[in-house]
Amino acid sequence: MGHPDFRVGGRIFATLAYPRTAFAALMLTPEQQELFVRTEPKTFRPVPGGWGKKGATQVELRTAKKAAVREALKVAWSNRAPGRKK
């Protein structure tokens, strides 16, 4: 689709350059998304539309703090990892 995707167990957990090069997207749950948006509103926001309502979250890279993005990536990876308990 023209941008790098990161997968675990064949499932995407993060995407770079979506929707533009200054952004990334993470696959979070709606509850996780709400926490990241509340704690770092200049960096995290729901993806517009239905994907965002399901937890897909944009990351504005120029405002991102390394620790917050690292934690969000760990959470997104864990959400998609094989054998994850739901």
N, C-alpha and C. Protein backbone atom coordinates (compact mmCIF):
# COMPACT_ATOMS: atom_id res chain seq x y z
N MET A 1 0.82 -1.20 0.00
CA MET A 1 0.00 0.00 0.00
C MET A 1 0.86 1.27 0.00
N GLY A 2 2.15 1.12 -0.23
CA GLY A 2 3.00 2.28 -0.37
C GLY A 2 3.59 2.81 0.93
N HIS A 3 3.43 2.07 2.02
CA HIS A 3 4.05 2.49 3.29
C HIS A 3 4.44 1.25 4.07
N PRO A 4 5.49 1.33 4.90
CA PRO A 4 5.93 0.16 5.65
C PRO A 4 4.95 -0.23 6.74
N ASP A 5 4.67 -1.52 6.83
CA ASP A 5 3.84 -2.08 7.89
C ASP A 5 4.72 -2.98 8.75
N PHE A 6 4.40 -3.04 10.02
CA PHE A 6 5.10 -3.91 10.96
C PHE A 6 4.09 -4.94 11.45
N ARG A 7 4.48 -6.21 11.39
CA ARG A 7 3.55 -7.30 11.68
C ARG A 7 4.12 -8.23 12.73
N VAL A 8 3.20 -8.86 13.43
CA VAL A 8 3.54 -9.95 14.33
C VAL A 8 2.46 -11.01 14.11
N GLY A 9 2.89 -12.24 13.91
CA GLY A 9 1.93 -13.31 13.63
C GLY A 9 1.09 -13.04 12.40
N GLY A 10 1.66 -12.32 11.42
CA GLY A 10 0.94 -12.01 10.18
C GLY A 10 -0.06 -10.86 10.29
N ARG A 11 -0.12 -10.22 11.45
CA ARG A 11 -1.09 -9.13 11.66
C ARG A 11 -0.37 -7.81 11.86
N ILE A 12 -0.86 -6.76 11.23
CA ILE A 12 -0.26 -5.42 11.34
C ILE A 12 -0.51 -4.85 12.73
N PHE A 13 0.56 -4.35 13.36
CA PHE A 13 0.40 -3.65 14.63
C PHE A 13 0.84 -2.20 14.53
N ALA A 14 1.62 -1.85 13.48
CA ALA A 14 2.06 -0.46 13.29
C ALA A 14 2.33 -0.22 11.82
N THR A 15 2.15 1.03 11.41
CA THR A 15 2.38 1.45 10.04
C THR A 15 3.10 2.79 10.07
N LEU A 16 4.13 2.95 9.23
CA LEU A 16 4.81 4.23 9.10
C LEU A 16 4.27 4.97 7.89
N ALA A 17 4.36 6.30 7.94
CA ALA A 17 3.97 7.16 6.82
C ALA A 17 2.50 7.03 6.48
N TYR A 18 1.66 6.89 7.50
CA TYR A 18 0.21 6.85 7.28
C TYR A 18 -0.45 7.89 8.17
N PRO A 19 -1.20 8.81 7.66
CA PRO A 19 -1.58 8.98 6.26
C PRO A 19 -0.53 9.73 5.43
N ARG A 20 0.44 10.37 6.11
CA ARG A 20 1.54 11.06 5.42
C ARG A 20 2.85 10.70 6.12
N THR A 21 3.96 11.14 5.54
CA THR A 21 5.27 10.75 6.08
C THR A 21 5.51 11.22 7.51
N ALA A 22 4.86 12.25 7.97
CA ALA A 22 5.07 12.77 9.32
C ALA A 22 4.28 12.01 10.38
N PHE A 23 3.63 10.93 9.98
CA PHE A 23 2.74 10.20 10.89
C PHE A 23 3.06 8.70 10.89
N ALA A 24 2.53 8.04 11.89
CA ALA A 24 2.49 6.58 11.96
C ALA A 24 1.10 6.22 12.46
N ALA A 25 0.78 4.95 12.42
CA ALA A 25 -0.50 4.47 12.95
C ALA A 25 -0.25 3.21 13.76
N LEU A 26 -0.98 3.07 14.85
CA LEU A 26 -0.86 1.91 15.73
C LEU A 26 -2.23 1.28 15.91
N MET A 27 -2.25 -0.03 16.07
CA MET A 27 -3.50 -0.74 16.30
C MET A 27 -3.66 -0.97 17.81
N LEU A 28 -4.44 -0.12 18.43
CA LEU A 28 -4.72 -0.19 19.86
C LEU A 28 -6.18 -0.57 20.05
N THR A 29 -6.55 -0.87 21.28
CA THR A 29 -7.98 -1.03 21.59
C THR A 29 -8.54 0.37 21.83
N PRO A 30 -9.85 0.54 21.76
CA PRO A 30 -10.42 1.86 22.05
C PRO A 30 -10.04 2.39 23.44
N GLU A 31 -9.95 1.51 24.42
CA GLU A 31 -9.59 1.92 25.78
C GLU A 31 -8.13 2.38 25.84
N GLN A 32 -7.25 1.64 25.18
CA GLN A 32 -5.83 2.02 25.14
C GLN A 32 -5.67 3.35 24.40
N GLN A 33 -6.39 3.47 23.28
CA GLN A 33 -6.34 4.70 22.51
C GLN A 33 -6.75 5.90 23.36
N GLU A 34 -7.82 5.76 24.12
CA GLU A 34 -8.31 6.86 24.95
C GLU A 34 -7.24 7.28 25.95
N LEU A 35 -6.53 6.33 26.52
CA LEU A 35 -5.47 6.63 27.49
C LEU A 35 -4.32 7.40 26.82
N PHE A 36 -3.85 6.93 25.68
CA PHE A 36 -2.74 7.62 25.00
C PHE A 36 -3.17 9.00 24.52
N VAL A 37 -4.37 9.13 23.99
CA VAL A 37 -4.87 10.44 23.53
C VAL A 37 -4.99 11.39 24.71
N ARG A 38 -5.46 10.90 25.84
CA ARG A 38 -5.63 11.76 27.02
C ARG A 38 -4.28 12.20 27.58
N THR A 39 -3.29 11.31 27.59
CA THR A 39 -2.00 11.66 28.21
C THR A 39 -1.06 12.41 27.27
N GLU A 40 -1.19 12.21 25.96
CA GLU A 40 -0.33 12.88 24.97
C GLU A 40 -1.17 13.37 23.78
N PRO A 41 -2.07 14.34 24.01
CA PRO A 41 -3.01 14.75 22.95
C PRO A 41 -2.36 15.42 21.74
N LYS A 42 -1.17 15.94 21.86
CA LYS A 42 -0.49 16.54 20.71
C LYS A 42 0.15 15.49 19.82
N THR A 43 0.26 14.28 20.33
CA THR A 43 0.93 13.20 19.59
C THR A 43 -0.04 12.14 19.10
N PHE A 44 -0.97 11.72 19.94
CA PHE A 44 -1.88 10.62 19.59
C PHE A 44 -3.27 11.15 19.32
N ARG A 45 -3.92 10.59 18.28
CA ARG A 45 -5.31 10.92 17.98
C ARG A 45 -5.93 9.75 17.23
N PRO A 46 -7.24 9.56 17.36
CA PRO A 46 -7.88 8.47 16.61
C PRO A 46 -7.75 8.68 15.09
N VAL A 47 -7.56 7.61 14.36
CA VAL A 47 -7.62 7.67 12.90
C VAL A 47 -9.06 8.05 12.56
N PRO A 48 -9.27 8.96 11.60
CA PRO A 48 -10.64 9.34 11.25
C PRO A 48 -11.47 8.14 10.77
N GLY A 49 -12.75 8.15 11.09
CA GLY A 49 -13.68 7.14 10.60
C GLY A 49 -13.76 5.90 11.48
N GLY A 50 -14.25 4.84 10.89
CA GLY A 50 -14.53 3.60 11.61
C GLY A 50 -13.31 2.93 12.20
N TRP A 51 -12.16 2.97 11.50
CA TRP A 51 -10.95 2.37 12.05
C TRP A 51 -10.56 3.03 13.37
N GLY A 52 -10.70 4.34 13.43
CA GLY A 52 -10.37 5.06 14.66
C GLY A 52 -11.28 4.68 15.80
N LYS A 53 -12.55 4.44 15.52
CA LYS A 53 -13.49 4.03 16.57
C LYS A 53 -13.16 2.66 17.11
N LYS A 54 -12.44 1.86 16.31
CA LYS A 54 -12.04 0.51 16.74
C LYS A 54 -10.67 0.51 17.42
N GLY A 55 -10.03 1.70 17.50
CA GLY A 55 -8.75 1.81 18.20
C GLY A 55 -7.56 2.20 17.35
N ALA A 56 -7.70 2.22 16.02
CA ALA A 56 -6.57 2.63 15.18
C ALA A 56 -6.22 4.07 15.55
N THR A 57 -4.93 4.31 15.81
CA THR A 57 -4.49 5.56 16.39
C THR A 57 -3.35 6.16 15.59
N GLN A 58 -3.48 7.44 15.22
CA GLN A 58 -2.42 8.16 14.53
C GLN A 58 -1.41 8.65 15.55
N VAL A 59 -0.15 8.68 15.13
CA VAL A 59 0.94 9.21 15.94
C VAL A 59 1.60 10.31 15.12
N GLU A 60 1.59 11.54 15.63
CA GLU A 60 2.29 12.64 14.97
C GLU A 60 3.74 12.59 15.42
N LEU A 61 4.63 12.19 14.53
CA LEU A 61 6.00 11.88 14.90
C LEU A 61 6.79 13.10 15.37
N ARG A 62 6.53 14.27 14.84
CA ARG A 62 7.34 15.44 15.24
C ARG A 62 7.06 15.89 16.67
N THR A 63 5.93 15.53 17.24
CA THR A 63 5.64 15.89 18.63
C THR A 63 5.83 14.72 19.59
N ALA A 64 6.18 13.58 19.05
CA ALA A 64 6.23 12.34 19.84
C ALA A 64 7.43 12.30 20.78
N LYS A 65 7.15 11.84 21.99
CA LYS A 65 8.21 11.56 22.96
C LYS A 65 8.57 10.09 22.82
N LYS A 66 9.87 9.82 22.81
CA LYS A 66 10.35 8.46 22.58
C LYS A 66 9.71 7.45 23.54
N ALA A 67 9.64 7.79 24.81
CA ALA A 67 9.10 6.85 25.81
C ALA A 67 7.62 6.54 25.54
N ALA A 68 6.84 7.55 25.17
CA ALA A 68 5.41 7.33 24.91
C ALA A 68 5.21 6.45 23.68
N VAL A 69 5.97 6.70 22.63
CA VAL A 69 5.84 5.89 21.42
C VAL A 69 6.33 4.47 21.67
N ARG A 70 7.40 4.32 22.42
CA ARG A 70 7.89 2.99 22.76
C ARG A 70 6.82 2.19 23.49
N GLU A 71 6.18 2.82 24.48
CA GLU A 71 5.13 2.15 25.25
C GLU A 71 3.93 1.81 24.34
N ALA A 72 3.52 2.73 23.49
CA ALA A 72 2.40 2.48 22.59
C ALA A 72 2.72 1.34 21.61
N LEU A 73 3.96 1.29 21.12
CA LEU A 73 4.36 0.20 20.23
C LEU A 73 4.31 -1.14 20.95
N LYS A 74 4.77 -1.19 22.19
CA LYS A 74 4.71 -2.42 22.97
C LYS A 74 3.26 -2.89 23.13
N VAL A 75 2.38 -1.96 23.43
CA VAL A 75 0.97 -2.29 23.62
C VAL A 75 0.37 -2.80 22.31
N ALA A 76 0.63 -2.08 21.21
CA ALA A 76 0.10 -2.49 19.91
C ALA A 76 0.64 -3.87 19.52
N TRP A 77 1.93 -4.11 19.74
CA TRP A 77 2.51 -5.42 19.43
C TRP A 77 1.82 -6.50 20.25
N SER A 78 1.65 -6.24 21.54
CA SER A 78 1.01 -7.21 22.42
C SER A 78 -0.42 -7.52 21.99
N ASN A 79 -1.13 -6.51 21.50
CA ASN A 79 -2.49 -6.73 21.03
C ASN A 79 -2.57 -7.71 19.88
N ARG A 80 -1.55 -7.74 19.04
CA ARG A 80 -1.56 -8.56 17.83
C ARG A 80 -0.76 -9.85 17.94
N ALA A 81 0.04 -9.98 18.99
CA ALA A 81 0.93 -11.14 19.10
C ALA A 81 0.14 -12.45 19.23
N PRO A 82 0.63 -13.50 18.60
CA PRO A 82 -0.03 -14.81 18.72
C PRO A 82 -0.10 -15.27 20.17
N GLY A 83 -1.17 -15.89 20.53
CA GLY A 83 -1.32 -16.42 21.87
C GLY A 83 -1.71 -15.40 22.92
N ARG A 84 -1.98 -14.18 22.49
CA ARG A 84 -2.39 -13.14 23.44
C ARG A 84 -3.75 -13.51 24.02
N LYS A 85 -3.86 -13.43 25.32
CA LYS A 85 -5.15 -13.69 25.97
C LYS A 85 -6.04 -12.48 25.85
N LYS A 86 -7.28 -12.70 25.49
CA LYS A 86 -8.22 -11.58 25.31
C LYS A 86 -9.19 -11.53 26.45
